[in-house]
Amino acid sequence: SSQAAPVFALPTLGPPARTMLSRLASRSALAGRTPAAAPAFAAATRHLHAARPALAAKVSPAELTKILSERIANFSDQQDVQEVGRVLSVGDGIARIYGLKGVKAGEMVEFSSGLKGMALNLETDNVGVVVFGDDRAIVEGDSVKCTGTIVDVPIGPELLGRVVDALGV
């Protein structure tokens, strides 16, 4: 008494997967089953078929153009891009930074440790930054970001006759 082989419906299988499944089914059918059961199992694999994917909803060209135009118009509003570099080396109050291509001479930069510095030596592949503070808090690989402001010291009648350092302190 032979049992009827179950019929499987696998809607996500493509032609290569169906072919591989058929080969595996025929190998297992011939390896461990009686010769009478092998054709029944092989016949069951013929019923495997993939369902057609659902057709995508159609969008008119005018709607698509409108959606894309809105996204492009809002693109600059959504992005707040900051130029970020990495510390190559630090020593004697000078940090060498890689990756700050748009930095200006005299621009204030901020290290990931919170220290600030001023970009002075602009070279093609790196930037020399004077560190305002203890450079031992900065290690190789730390991130550095441009602030977009040129270093300046505000002056006024309050400073008249006083001795101040380069930062105005």
N, C-alpha and C. Protein backbone atom coordinates (compact mmCIF):
# COMPACT_ATOMS: atom_id res chain seq x y z
N SER A 1 0.84 -1.18 0.00
CA SER A 1 0.00 0.00 0.00
C SER A 1 0.88 1.23 0.00
N SER A 2 0.81 1.98 -1.05
CA SER A 2 1.63 3.19 -1.17
C SER A 2 0.79 4.40 -0.81
N GLN A 3 1.40 5.32 -0.10
CA GLN A 3 0.70 6.53 0.29
C GLN A 3 0.87 7.58 -0.81
N ALA A 4 -0.10 8.44 -0.93
CA ALA A 4 -0.02 9.52 -1.92
C ALA A 4 0.97 10.56 -1.41
N ALA A 5 1.83 11.02 -2.28
CA ALA A 5 2.82 12.04 -1.91
C ALA A 5 2.14 13.38 -1.77
N PRO A 6 2.51 14.16 -0.75
CA PRO A 6 1.89 15.47 -0.59
C PRO A 6 2.32 16.42 -1.70
N VAL A 7 1.44 17.33 -2.03
CA VAL A 7 1.73 18.33 -3.05
C VAL A 7 2.07 19.63 -2.33
N PHE A 8 3.21 20.20 -2.67
CA PHE A 8 3.67 21.43 -2.04
C PHE A 8 3.49 22.60 -2.99
N ALA A 9 3.11 23.73 -2.48
CA ALA A 9 3.03 24.95 -3.28
C ALA A 9 3.93 25.98 -2.62
N LEU A 10 5.04 26.29 -3.24
CA LEU A 10 6.00 27.25 -2.71
C LEU A 10 6.01 28.46 -3.64
N PRO A 11 5.27 29.50 -3.32
CA PRO A 11 5.10 30.62 -4.25
C PRO A 11 6.35 31.46 -4.44
N THR A 12 7.33 31.37 -3.56
CA THR A 12 8.48 32.26 -3.70
C THR A 12 9.64 31.63 -4.46
N LEU A 13 9.53 30.41 -4.87
CA LEU A 13 10.63 29.76 -5.56
C LEU A 13 10.69 30.19 -7.03
N GLY A 14 11.89 30.48 -7.47
CA GLY A 14 12.09 30.80 -8.88
C GLY A 14 12.50 29.54 -9.62
N PRO A 15 12.69 29.61 -10.93
CA PRO A 15 13.07 28.43 -11.72
C PRO A 15 14.33 27.73 -11.23
N PRO A 16 15.43 28.43 -10.87
CA PRO A 16 16.62 27.70 -10.40
C PRO A 16 16.35 26.92 -9.11
N ALA A 17 15.56 27.48 -8.20
CA ALA A 17 15.26 26.80 -6.94
C ALA A 17 14.37 25.59 -7.19
N ARG A 18 13.43 25.71 -8.10
CA ARG A 18 12.55 24.57 -8.42
C ARG A 18 13.37 23.45 -9.01
N THR A 19 14.32 23.75 -9.89
CA THR A 19 15.16 22.74 -10.51
C THR A 19 15.98 22.03 -9.45
N MET A 20 16.58 22.77 -8.53
CA MET A 20 17.38 22.18 -7.47
C MET A 20 16.51 21.32 -6.57
N LEU A 21 15.31 21.76 -6.23
CA LEU A 21 14.41 21.00 -5.38
C LEU A 21 13.99 19.71 -6.07
N SER A 22 13.76 19.77 -7.36
CA SER A 22 13.40 18.57 -8.12
C SER A 22 14.53 17.56 -8.10
N ARG A 23 15.77 18.02 -8.26
CA ARG A 23 16.93 17.12 -8.23
C ARG A 23 17.08 16.47 -6.87
N LEU A 24 16.94 17.27 -5.81
CA LEU A 24 17.04 16.72 -4.46
C LEU A 24 15.93 15.71 -4.19
N ALA A 25 14.74 16.02 -4.66
CA ALA A 25 13.61 15.11 -4.45
C ALA A 25 13.84 13.80 -5.18
N SER A 26 14.35 13.84 -6.40
CA SER A 26 14.57 12.61 -7.15
C SER A 26 15.70 11.80 -6.54
N ARG A 27 16.75 12.46 -6.01
CA ARG A 27 17.84 11.73 -5.35
C ARG A 27 17.35 11.02 -4.10
N SER A 28 16.59 11.75 -3.25
CA SER A 28 16.11 11.13 -2.03
C SER A 28 15.07 10.06 -2.35
N ALA A 29 14.31 10.26 -3.39
CA ALA A 29 13.31 9.27 -3.75
C ALA A 29 13.97 7.99 -4.22
N LEU A 30 15.04 8.09 -4.98
CA LEU A 30 15.71 6.90 -5.50
C LEU A 30 16.61 6.26 -4.45
N ALA A 31 17.12 7.05 -3.51
CA ALA A 31 18.06 6.52 -2.54
C ALA A 31 17.39 5.67 -1.48
N GLY A 32 16.31 6.14 -0.88
CA GLY A 32 15.75 5.43 0.27
C GLY A 32 14.37 4.88 0.07
N ARG A 33 13.83 4.90 -1.10
CA ARG A 33 12.45 4.45 -1.31
C ARG A 33 12.41 3.27 -2.28
N THR A 34 11.33 2.67 -2.28
CA THR A 34 11.15 1.55 -3.22
C THR A 34 10.97 2.09 -4.62
N PRO A 35 11.26 1.31 -5.62
CA PRO A 35 11.10 1.79 -6.99
C PRO A 35 9.67 2.25 -7.30
N ALA A 36 8.68 1.68 -6.63
CA ALA A 36 7.30 2.08 -6.90
C ALA A 36 7.01 3.47 -6.33
N ALA A 37 7.65 3.81 -5.22
CA ALA A 37 7.40 5.10 -4.59
C ALA A 37 8.15 6.23 -5.28
N ALA A 38 9.25 5.94 -5.94
CA ALA A 38 10.06 6.96 -6.59
C ALA A 38 9.28 7.72 -7.66
N PRO A 39 8.56 7.07 -8.57
CA PRO A 39 7.80 7.84 -9.56
C PRO A 39 6.70 8.68 -8.93
N ALA A 40 6.09 8.18 -7.84
CA ALA A 40 5.03 8.95 -7.19
C ALA A 40 5.59 10.23 -6.60
N PHE A 41 6.75 10.13 -5.99
CA PHE A 41 7.37 11.32 -5.40
C PHE A 41 7.83 12.29 -6.48
N ALA A 42 8.40 11.75 -7.55
CA ALA A 42 8.85 12.59 -8.67
C ALA A 42 7.64 13.28 -9.32
N ALA A 43 6.52 12.57 -9.39
CA ALA A 43 5.32 13.17 -9.97
C ALA A 43 4.81 14.30 -9.10
N ALA A 44 5.00 14.15 -7.79
CA ALA A 44 4.55 15.21 -6.88
C ALA A 44 5.35 16.47 -7.08
N THR A 45 6.60 16.35 -7.44
CA THR A 45 7.43 17.54 -7.63
C THR A 45 7.05 18.30 -8.89
N ARG A 46 6.35 17.65 -9.80
CA ARG A 46 5.94 18.35 -11.00
C ARG A 46 4.87 19.40 -10.70
N HIS A 47 4.18 19.25 -9.57
CA HIS A 47 3.13 20.19 -9.21
C HIS A 47 3.67 21.46 -8.57
N LEU A 48 4.97 21.49 -8.30
CA LEU A 48 5.56 22.70 -7.73
C LEU A 48 5.53 23.80 -8.77
N HIS A 49 5.07 24.95 -8.38
CA HIS A 49 5.07 26.08 -9.28
C HIS A 49 5.17 27.36 -8.47
N ALA A 50 5.68 28.37 -9.09
CA ALA A 50 5.81 29.66 -8.42
C ALA A 50 4.65 30.55 -8.84
N ALA A 51 4.07 31.21 -7.87
CA ALA A 51 3.00 32.15 -8.19
C ALA A 51 3.59 33.39 -8.82
N ARG A 52 2.87 34.02 -9.68
CA ARG A 52 3.34 35.25 -10.31
C ARG A 52 3.34 36.37 -9.28
N PRO A 53 4.37 37.23 -9.29
CA PRO A 53 4.37 38.33 -8.33
C PRO A 53 3.23 39.29 -8.62
N ALA A 54 2.72 39.88 -7.56
CA ALA A 54 1.62 40.84 -7.72
C ALA A 54 2.11 42.03 -8.52
N LEU A 55 1.28 42.49 -9.39
CA LEU A 55 1.65 43.64 -10.20
C LEU A 55 1.65 44.90 -9.34
N ALA A 56 2.68 45.71 -9.49
CA ALA A 56 2.80 46.94 -8.70
C ALA A 56 1.75 47.94 -9.16
N ALA A 57 1.29 48.74 -8.22
CA ALA A 57 0.32 49.77 -8.56
C ALA A 57 0.97 50.77 -9.51
N LYS A 58 0.27 51.17 -10.51
CA LYS A 58 0.83 52.09 -11.50
C LYS A 58 0.70 53.52 -11.01
N VAL A 59 1.78 54.27 -11.18
CA VAL A 59 1.82 55.67 -10.79
C VAL A 59 1.99 56.49 -12.06
N SER A 60 1.21 57.52 -12.18
CA SER A 60 1.30 58.34 -13.38
C SER A 60 2.61 59.13 -13.37
N PRO A 61 3.14 59.44 -14.54
CA PRO A 61 4.39 60.22 -14.60
C PRO A 61 4.28 61.57 -13.91
N ALA A 62 3.11 62.19 -13.96
CA ALA A 62 2.93 63.50 -13.32
C ALA A 62 3.06 63.37 -11.80
N GLU A 63 2.48 62.31 -11.22
CA GLU A 63 2.58 62.09 -9.78
C GLU A 63 4.02 61.81 -9.37
N LEU A 64 4.70 60.99 -10.15
CA LEU A 64 6.09 60.66 -9.87
C LEU A 64 6.97 61.90 -9.94
N THR A 65 6.76 62.74 -10.93
CA THR A 65 7.52 63.98 -11.07
C THR A 65 7.28 64.89 -9.88
N LYS A 66 6.05 64.99 -9.44
CA LYS A 66 5.71 65.84 -8.30
C LYS A 66 6.40 65.35 -7.03
N ILE A 67 6.36 64.05 -6.78
CA ILE A 67 6.99 63.47 -5.59
C ILE A 67 8.49 63.70 -5.60
N LEU A 68 9.13 63.44 -6.73
CA LEU A 68 10.59 63.63 -6.83
C LEU A 68 10.97 65.09 -6.69
N SER A 69 10.19 65.99 -7.28
CA SER A 69 10.48 67.42 -7.17
C SER A 69 10.41 67.88 -5.72
N GLU A 70 9.42 67.41 -4.96
CA GLU A 70 9.30 67.78 -3.54
C GLU A 70 10.49 67.28 -2.74
N ARG A 71 10.91 66.04 -3.00
CA ARG A 71 12.05 65.48 -2.26
C ARG A 71 13.34 66.21 -2.58
N ILE A 72 13.52 66.58 -3.83
CA ILE A 72 14.73 67.31 -4.21
C ILE A 72 14.72 68.70 -3.61
N ALA A 73 13.57 69.36 -3.60
CA ALA A 73 13.47 70.71 -3.03
C ALA A 73 13.76 70.71 -1.54
N ASN A 74 13.36 69.68 -0.82
CA ASN A 74 13.57 69.60 0.62
C ASN A 74 14.90 68.97 1.00
N PHE A 75 15.69 68.54 0.03
CA PHE A 75 16.94 67.84 0.32
C PHE A 75 17.92 68.72 1.09
N SER A 76 18.11 69.96 0.66
CA SER A 76 19.06 70.84 1.33
C SER A 76 18.60 71.20 2.74
N ASP A 77 17.29 71.24 2.98
CA ASP A 77 16.76 71.54 4.31
C ASP A 77 17.02 70.39 5.28
N GLN A 78 17.05 69.17 4.78
CA GLN A 78 17.18 68.00 5.65
C GLN A 78 18.62 67.73 6.04
N GLN A 79 19.56 68.15 5.25
CA GLN A 79 20.95 67.80 5.49
C GLN A 79 21.69 68.91 6.21
N ASP A 80 22.33 68.57 7.30
CA ASP A 80 23.20 69.49 8.01
C ASP A 80 24.59 68.86 8.00
N VAL A 81 25.32 69.12 6.94
CA VAL A 81 26.60 68.46 6.73
C VAL A 81 27.70 69.26 7.41
N GLN A 82 28.52 68.56 8.19
CA GLN A 82 29.67 69.18 8.82
C GLN A 82 30.91 68.50 8.28
N GLU A 83 31.94 69.30 8.05
CA GLU A 83 33.19 68.73 7.60
C GLU A 83 33.94 68.19 8.81
N VAL A 84 34.30 66.92 8.74
CA VAL A 84 34.95 66.24 9.86
C VAL A 84 36.26 65.64 9.39
N GLY A 85 37.30 65.77 10.23
CA GLY A 85 38.60 65.19 9.93
C GLY A 85 39.06 64.30 11.08
N ARG A 86 40.24 63.71 10.90
CA ARG A 86 40.82 62.82 11.91
C ARG A 86 42.22 63.30 12.27
N VAL A 87 42.56 63.13 13.54
CA VAL A 87 43.88 63.54 14.02
C VAL A 87 44.91 62.52 13.55
N LEU A 88 45.95 63.01 12.86
CA LEU A 88 47.05 62.15 12.43
C LEU A 88 48.12 62.05 13.50
N SER A 89 48.47 63.21 14.08
CA SER A 89 49.49 63.23 15.13
C SER A 89 49.31 64.47 15.98
N VAL A 90 49.83 64.39 17.21
CA VAL A 90 49.75 65.51 18.15
C VAL A 90 51.09 65.62 18.85
N GLY A 91 51.55 66.86 19.00
CA GLY A 91 52.79 67.08 19.75
C GLY A 91 53.12 68.55 19.83
N ASP A 92 53.59 68.98 21.00
CA ASP A 92 54.01 70.37 21.23
C ASP A 92 52.90 71.37 20.93
N GLY A 93 51.66 71.02 21.23
CA GLY A 93 50.54 71.94 21.04
C GLY A 93 50.07 72.05 19.62
N ILE A 94 50.61 71.23 18.71
CA ILE A 94 50.22 71.24 17.29
C ILE A 94 49.61 69.88 16.95
N ALA A 95 48.47 69.90 16.31
CA ALA A 95 47.82 68.67 15.85
C ALA A 95 47.78 68.67 14.33
N ARG A 96 48.13 67.55 13.74
CA ARG A 96 48.02 67.38 12.28
C ARG A 96 46.71 66.66 12.01
N ILE A 97 45.87 67.28 11.16
CA ILE A 97 44.53 66.77 10.89
C ILE A 97 44.41 66.40 9.42
N TYR A 98 43.79 65.25 9.16
CA TYR A 98 43.51 64.83 7.80
C TYR A 98 42.01 64.91 7.55
N GLY A 99 41.60 65.45 6.42
CA GLY A 99 40.20 65.41 6.02
C GLY A 99 39.46 66.73 6.08
N LEU A 100 40.08 67.78 6.52
CA LEU A 100 39.40 69.09 6.56
C LEU A 100 39.76 69.87 5.30
N LYS A 101 39.18 69.49 4.19
CA LYS A 101 39.53 70.10 2.90
C LYS A 101 39.03 71.53 2.77
N GLY A 102 37.90 71.87 3.39
CA GLY A 102 37.32 73.19 3.22
C GLY A 102 37.62 74.15 4.36
N VAL A 103 38.54 73.80 5.24
CA VAL A 103 38.84 74.66 6.38
C VAL A 103 39.57 75.91 5.90
N LYS A 104 39.32 77.04 6.58
CA LYS A 104 39.96 78.30 6.22
C LYS A 104 41.10 78.59 7.20
N ALA A 105 42.06 79.37 6.77
CA ALA A 105 43.16 79.77 7.66
C ALA A 105 42.59 80.63 8.78
N GLY A 106 42.93 80.28 10.01
CA GLY A 106 42.43 81.02 11.17
C GLY A 106 41.08 80.55 11.66
N GLU A 107 40.53 79.51 11.05
CA GLU A 107 39.22 79.01 11.46
C GLU A 107 39.32 78.19 12.74
N MET A 108 38.32 78.34 13.59
CA MET A 108 38.24 77.58 14.83
C MET A 108 37.77 76.17 14.52
N VAL A 109 38.44 75.17 15.09
CA VAL A 109 38.03 73.78 14.97
C VAL A 109 37.80 73.23 16.37
N GLU A 110 36.98 72.19 16.45
CA GLU A 110 36.67 71.60 17.75
C GLU A 110 36.99 70.11 17.72
N PHE A 111 37.75 69.65 18.70
CA PHE A 111 38.13 68.25 18.83
C PHE A 111 37.02 67.49 19.55
N SER A 112 37.01 66.17 19.41
CA SER A 112 35.98 65.36 20.06
C SER A 112 36.05 65.45 21.57
N SER A 113 37.21 65.80 22.12
CA SER A 113 37.36 65.94 23.57
C SER A 113 36.78 67.25 24.08
N GLY A 114 36.39 68.16 23.17
CA GLY A 114 35.83 69.45 23.56
C GLY A 114 36.82 70.59 23.45
N LEU A 115 38.10 70.25 23.31
CA LEU A 115 39.11 71.30 23.13
C LEU A 115 38.91 71.99 21.79
N LYS A 116 39.37 73.21 21.73
CA LYS A 116 39.29 73.97 20.48
C LYS A 116 40.70 74.26 19.99
N GLY A 117 40.77 74.58 18.73
CA GLY A 117 42.05 74.92 18.12
C GLY A 117 41.83 75.82 16.93
N MET A 118 42.96 76.33 16.38
CA MET A 118 42.88 77.21 15.23
C MET A 118 43.72 76.65 14.09
N ALA A 119 43.11 76.53 12.92
CA ALA A 119 43.80 76.02 11.74
C ALA A 119 44.73 77.08 11.20
N LEU A 120 46.03 76.75 11.11
CA LEU A 120 47.00 77.70 10.60
C LEU A 120 47.72 77.20 9.37
N ASN A 121 48.28 76.03 9.43
CA ASN A 121 49.11 75.51 8.35
C ASN A 121 48.25 74.66 7.41
N LEU A 122 47.82 75.24 6.29
CA LEU A 122 46.97 74.53 5.33
C LEU A 122 47.83 73.91 4.25
N GLU A 123 47.93 72.59 4.26
CA GLU A 123 48.69 71.87 3.24
C GLU A 123 47.71 71.07 2.40
N THR A 124 48.21 70.44 1.33
CA THR A 124 47.33 69.72 0.42
C THR A 124 46.73 68.47 1.05
N ASP A 125 47.49 67.78 1.90
CA ASP A 125 46.99 66.53 2.46
C ASP A 125 46.63 66.60 3.94
N ASN A 126 47.04 67.64 4.66
CA ASN A 126 46.67 67.77 6.06
C ASN A 126 46.67 69.22 6.48
N VAL A 127 46.19 69.46 7.71
CA VAL A 127 46.07 70.81 8.24
C VAL A 127 46.77 70.84 9.59
N GLY A 128 47.59 71.86 9.82
CA GLY A 128 48.22 72.05 11.11
C GLY A 128 47.33 72.93 11.98
N VAL A 129 47.00 72.44 13.17
CA VAL A 129 46.08 73.15 14.07
C VAL A 129 46.80 73.43 15.38
N VAL A 130 46.76 74.68 15.83
CA VAL A 130 47.27 75.04 17.14
C VAL A 130 46.19 74.71 18.15
N VAL A 131 46.54 73.90 19.17
CA VAL A 131 45.57 73.46 20.17
C VAL A 131 45.50 74.49 21.28
N PHE A 132 44.29 74.94 21.62
CA PHE A 132 44.07 75.87 22.72
C PHE A 132 43.78 75.06 23.98
N GLY A 133 44.80 74.68 24.67
CA GLY A 133 44.63 73.88 25.88
C GLY A 133 45.66 72.76 25.92
N ASP A 134 45.42 71.81 26.82
CA ASP A 134 46.34 70.70 27.02
C ASP A 134 46.16 69.68 25.90
N ASP A 135 47.18 69.49 25.09
CA ASP A 135 47.07 68.58 23.95
C ASP A 135 47.13 67.11 24.36
N ARG A 136 47.35 66.81 25.64
CA ARG A 136 47.37 65.41 26.08
C ARG A 136 45.98 64.80 26.07
N ALA A 137 44.94 65.62 25.99
CA ALA A 137 43.57 65.11 25.92
C ALA A 137 43.22 64.66 24.51
N ILE A 138 44.09 64.94 23.55
CA ILE A 138 43.83 64.58 22.15
C ILE A 138 44.71 63.39 21.79
N VAL A 139 44.12 62.38 21.18
CA VAL A 139 44.88 61.21 20.76
C VAL A 139 44.70 61.00 19.25
N GLU A 140 45.60 60.27 18.69
CA GLU A 140 45.55 59.97 17.26
C GLU A 140 44.26 59.24 16.93
N GLY A 141 43.56 59.70 15.88
CA GLY A 141 42.30 59.09 15.47
C GLY A 141 41.08 59.83 15.96
N ASP A 142 41.24 60.79 16.88
CA ASP A 142 40.10 61.59 17.35
C ASP A 142 39.49 62.35 16.18
N SER A 143 38.20 62.62 16.27
CA SER A 143 37.54 63.39 15.21
C SER A 143 37.63 64.88 15.52
N VAL A 144 37.69 65.65 14.45
CA VAL A 144 37.79 67.11 14.53
C VAL A 144 36.78 67.68 13.55
N LYS A 145 36.02 68.68 13.99
CA LYS A 145 35.04 69.28 13.07
C LYS A 145 35.28 70.78 12.95
N CYS A 146 34.97 71.29 11.78
CA CYS A 146 35.06 72.73 11.53
C CYS A 146 33.88 73.42 12.20
N THR A 147 34.12 74.61 12.73
CA THR A 147 33.03 75.38 13.33
C THR A 147 32.50 76.43 12.37
N GLY A 148 33.30 76.80 11.37
CA GLY A 148 32.85 77.81 10.41
C GLY A 148 33.12 79.23 10.86
N THR A 149 33.73 79.42 12.02
CA THR A 149 34.01 80.77 12.51
C THR A 149 35.50 81.02 12.53
N ILE A 150 35.89 82.22 12.16
CA ILE A 150 37.28 82.63 12.23
C ILE A 150 37.57 83.08 13.66
N VAL A 151 38.73 82.70 14.17
CA VAL A 151 39.09 83.05 15.54
C VAL A 151 39.25 84.57 15.64
N ASP A 152 38.59 85.16 16.62
CA ASP A 152 38.72 86.60 16.86
C ASP A 152 38.57 86.85 18.36
N VAL A 153 39.10 87.95 18.78
CA VAL A 153 39.00 88.35 20.18
C VAL A 153 38.22 89.64 20.23
N PRO A 154 37.07 89.63 20.90
CA PRO A 154 36.30 90.87 20.99
C PRO A 154 37.01 91.89 21.88
N ILE A 155 36.97 93.14 21.47
CA ILE A 155 37.61 94.19 22.26
C ILE A 155 36.58 95.27 22.58
N GLY A 156 36.91 96.09 23.53
CA GLY A 156 36.03 97.17 23.93
C GLY A 156 36.67 97.98 25.03
N PRO A 157 35.97 98.95 25.56
CA PRO A 157 36.53 99.79 26.63
C PRO A 157 36.94 98.99 27.87
N GLU A 158 36.31 97.80 28.10
CA GLU A 158 36.65 97.00 29.26
C GLU A 158 38.08 96.47 29.21
N LEU A 159 38.66 96.33 28.02
CA LEU A 159 40.00 95.78 27.89
C LEU A 159 41.08 96.87 27.89
N LEU A 160 40.69 98.09 27.89
CA LEU A 160 41.65 99.19 27.84
C LEU A 160 42.56 99.16 29.06
N GLY A 161 43.87 99.06 28.80
CA GLY A 161 44.85 99.05 29.86
C GLY A 161 45.07 97.69 30.51
N ARG A 162 44.46 96.65 30.03
CA ARG A 162 44.61 95.29 30.63
C ARG A 162 45.55 94.45 29.76
N VAL A 163 46.18 93.48 30.40
CA VAL A 163 47.03 92.53 29.69
C VAL A 163 46.22 91.26 29.49
N VAL A 164 46.08 90.83 28.23
CA VAL A 164 45.31 89.63 27.91
C VAL A 164 46.13 88.72 27.02
N ASP A 165 45.81 87.43 27.03
CA ASP A 165 46.49 86.49 26.15
C ASP A 165 45.79 86.47 24.78
N ALA A 166 46.19 85.55 23.93
CA ALA A 166 45.68 85.51 22.56
C ALA A 166 44.20 85.21 22.51
N LEU A 167 43.64 84.58 23.54
CA LEU A 167 42.22 84.25 23.56
C LEU A 167 41.38 85.32 24.21
N GLY A 168 42.01 86.36 24.71
CA GLY A 168 41.27 87.42 25.35
C GLY A 168 40.98 87.16 26.82
N VAL A 169 41.69 86.24 27.40
CA VAL A 169 41.46 85.89 28.82
C VAL A 169 42.49 86.56 29.69
